[in-house]
N, C-alpha and C. Protein backbone atom coordinates (compact mmCIF):
# COMPACT_ATOMS: atom_id res chain seq x y z
N MET A 1 35.65 29.71 -22.30
CA MET A 1 36.14 30.12 -21.02
C MET A 1 37.52 29.50 -20.84
N THR A 2 38.45 30.24 -20.30
CA THR A 2 39.79 29.74 -20.02
C THR A 2 39.98 29.66 -18.51
N LEU A 3 40.38 28.48 -18.03
CA LEU A 3 40.62 28.30 -16.60
C LEU A 3 41.86 29.07 -16.19
N PRO A 4 41.82 29.75 -15.03
CA PRO A 4 42.91 30.66 -14.67
C PRO A 4 44.26 30.00 -14.38
N ASN A 5 44.27 28.87 -13.71
CA ASN A 5 45.54 28.26 -13.31
C ASN A 5 46.17 27.43 -14.42
N THR A 6 45.36 26.61 -15.08
CA THR A 6 45.90 25.69 -16.08
C THR A 6 45.86 26.25 -17.49
N LYS A 7 45.11 27.32 -17.71
CA LYS A 7 44.93 27.94 -19.02
C LYS A 7 44.24 27.01 -20.02
N ILE A 8 43.52 26.00 -19.50
CA ILE A 8 42.77 25.09 -20.36
C ILE A 8 41.48 25.79 -20.79
N LYS A 9 41.17 25.67 -22.07
CA LYS A 9 39.95 26.29 -22.58
C LYS A 9 38.84 25.25 -22.60
N VAL A 10 37.69 25.61 -22.04
CA VAL A 10 36.53 24.72 -22.00
C VAL A 10 35.32 25.48 -22.52
N ARG A 11 34.36 24.70 -23.06
CA ARG A 11 33.10 25.29 -23.50
C ARG A 11 31.98 24.64 -22.71
N LEU A 12 31.04 25.42 -22.27
CA LEU A 12 29.88 24.92 -21.55
C LEU A 12 28.67 25.04 -22.46
N PRO A 13 27.93 23.94 -22.65
CA PRO A 13 26.77 24.00 -23.53
C PRO A 13 25.65 24.84 -22.91
N LEU A 14 24.85 25.43 -23.76
CA LEU A 14 23.75 26.26 -23.29
C LEU A 14 22.42 25.53 -23.35
N PHE A 15 22.47 24.20 -23.35
CA PHE A 15 21.25 23.41 -23.40
C PHE A 15 21.36 22.24 -22.45
N ARG A 16 20.25 21.56 -22.21
CA ARG A 16 20.22 20.42 -21.30
C ARG A 16 19.71 19.20 -22.06
N ILE A 17 20.34 18.06 -21.89
CA ILE A 17 19.92 16.83 -22.56
C ILE A 17 19.01 16.06 -21.62
N VAL A 18 17.81 15.72 -22.10
CA VAL A 18 16.86 14.91 -21.34
C VAL A 18 16.65 13.63 -22.12
N ASN A 19 17.08 12.50 -21.54
CA ASN A 19 17.00 11.23 -22.26
C ASN A 19 15.58 10.67 -22.31
N ASN A 20 14.91 10.58 -21.19
CA ASN A 20 13.59 9.97 -21.14
C ASN A 20 12.77 10.67 -20.06
N ARG A 21 11.83 11.46 -20.45
CA ARG A 21 11.03 12.20 -19.47
C ARG A 21 10.09 11.30 -18.68
N ASN A 22 9.71 10.15 -19.24
CA ASN A 22 8.74 9.27 -18.57
C ASN A 22 9.39 8.34 -17.55
N TYR A 23 10.72 8.28 -17.51
CA TYR A 23 11.42 7.40 -16.59
C TYR A 23 11.32 7.94 -15.17
N GLN A 24 11.00 7.07 -14.23
CA GLN A 24 10.85 7.47 -12.83
C GLN A 24 12.21 7.85 -12.24
N LYS A 25 12.28 9.00 -11.62
CA LYS A 25 13.52 9.46 -11.00
C LYS A 25 13.52 9.05 -9.53
N ASN A 26 14.32 8.04 -9.21
CA ASN A 26 14.37 7.58 -7.82
C ASN A 26 15.69 7.94 -7.15
N GLY A 27 16.60 8.55 -7.89
CA GLY A 27 17.87 8.98 -7.31
C GLY A 27 18.87 7.87 -7.09
N ALA A 28 18.61 6.66 -7.62
CA ALA A 28 19.50 5.54 -7.38
C ALA A 28 20.71 5.57 -8.29
N GLY A 29 20.59 6.13 -9.48
CA GLY A 29 21.71 6.11 -10.42
C GLY A 29 21.90 4.72 -10.98
N VAL A 30 23.11 4.41 -11.41
CA VAL A 30 23.41 3.11 -11.98
C VAL A 30 23.78 2.16 -10.85
N LEU A 31 23.08 1.04 -10.75
CA LEU A 31 23.36 0.08 -9.69
C LEU A 31 24.52 -0.82 -10.10
N PRO A 32 25.43 -1.12 -9.19
CA PRO A 32 26.60 -1.93 -9.53
C PRO A 32 26.24 -3.41 -9.72
N ASP A 33 27.04 -4.11 -10.53
CA ASP A 33 26.86 -5.55 -10.69
C ASP A 33 27.27 -6.28 -9.41
N ILE A 34 28.33 -5.81 -8.79
CA ILE A 34 28.84 -6.39 -7.54
C ILE A 34 28.90 -5.28 -6.51
N GLU A 35 28.13 -5.42 -5.45
CA GLU A 35 28.09 -4.39 -4.42
C GLU A 35 29.14 -4.68 -3.35
N VAL A 36 29.97 -3.69 -3.07
CA VAL A 36 31.00 -3.82 -2.04
C VAL A 36 30.82 -2.65 -1.08
N LYS A 37 30.50 -2.97 0.16
CA LYS A 37 30.28 -1.94 1.16
C LYS A 37 31.49 -1.83 2.08
N PRO A 38 31.82 -0.62 2.52
CA PRO A 38 32.92 -0.48 3.48
C PRO A 38 32.50 -1.00 4.84
N THR A 39 33.45 -1.53 5.55
CA THR A 39 33.20 -2.02 6.90
C THR A 39 33.92 -1.11 7.90
N VAL A 40 33.57 -1.25 9.15
CA VAL A 40 34.24 -0.47 10.20
C VAL A 40 35.72 -0.80 10.19
N GLU A 41 36.05 -2.07 10.01
CA GLU A 41 37.46 -2.49 10.02
C GLU A 41 38.23 -1.91 8.83
N SER A 42 37.61 -1.88 7.66
CA SER A 42 38.32 -1.34 6.49
C SER A 42 38.55 0.17 6.65
N ILE A 43 37.61 0.87 7.24
CA ILE A 43 37.79 2.30 7.49
C ILE A 43 38.87 2.52 8.53
N ARG A 44 38.86 1.70 9.57
CA ARG A 44 39.86 1.82 10.64
C ARG A 44 41.26 1.58 10.10
N ARG A 45 41.40 0.63 9.18
CA ARG A 45 42.73 0.30 8.63
C ARG A 45 43.07 1.12 7.38
N ASN A 46 42.19 2.08 7.03
CA ASN A 46 42.39 2.95 5.87
C ASN A 46 42.56 2.13 4.59
N ARG A 47 41.68 1.14 4.39
CA ARG A 47 41.72 0.27 3.23
C ARG A 47 40.57 0.61 2.30
N ASP A 48 40.72 0.28 1.03
CA ASP A 48 39.69 0.54 0.02
C ASP A 48 39.11 -0.79 -0.44
N PRO A 49 37.97 -1.21 0.13
CA PRO A 49 37.42 -2.53 -0.21
C PRO A 49 36.97 -2.63 -1.67
N LYS A 50 36.58 -1.52 -2.28
CA LYS A 50 36.17 -1.56 -3.69
C LYS A 50 37.36 -1.85 -4.59
N MET A 51 38.49 -1.21 -4.31
CA MET A 51 39.69 -1.46 -5.10
C MET A 51 40.20 -2.88 -4.87
N GLU A 52 40.13 -3.34 -3.63
CA GLU A 52 40.57 -4.71 -3.33
C GLU A 52 39.72 -5.73 -4.07
N LYS A 53 38.40 -5.52 -4.13
CA LYS A 53 37.51 -6.42 -4.86
C LYS A 53 37.79 -6.38 -6.35
N ALA A 54 38.04 -5.18 -6.88
CA ALA A 54 38.37 -5.05 -8.30
C ALA A 54 39.65 -5.80 -8.63
N MET A 55 40.66 -5.65 -7.79
CA MET A 55 41.94 -6.36 -8.02
C MET A 55 41.75 -7.87 -7.89
N GLU A 56 40.91 -8.29 -6.96
CA GLU A 56 40.61 -9.72 -6.79
C GLU A 56 39.96 -10.29 -8.05
N LEU A 57 39.02 -9.56 -8.62
CA LEU A 57 38.35 -10.01 -9.84
C LEU A 57 39.31 -10.04 -11.03
N ILE A 58 40.18 -9.04 -11.12
CA ILE A 58 41.18 -8.99 -12.20
C ILE A 58 42.13 -10.18 -12.09
N ASN A 59 42.63 -10.43 -10.88
CA ASN A 59 43.59 -11.53 -10.68
C ASN A 59 42.93 -12.89 -10.87
N ALA A 60 41.64 -13.01 -10.62
CA ALA A 60 40.94 -14.29 -10.79
C ALA A 60 40.82 -14.66 -12.26
N LYS A 61 40.86 -13.67 -13.15
CA LYS A 61 40.71 -13.94 -14.59
C LYS A 61 42.04 -14.30 -15.25
N LYS A 62 43.14 -14.20 -14.53
CA LYS A 62 44.46 -14.50 -15.11
C LYS A 62 44.71 -15.98 -15.17
């Protein structure tokens, strides 16, 4: 299939990969090592607390 705007060609597989049928599906996905939740203040100030925490961890290792 060729995308109309970018003309990039992509292929879509005709099968589905199932890793483990016996694993319980709870909808949680991958849980983060460090959980960072947005606050009312961060939303009000249009800040990204996840990016700020990532930058904090990067700078702490320098």
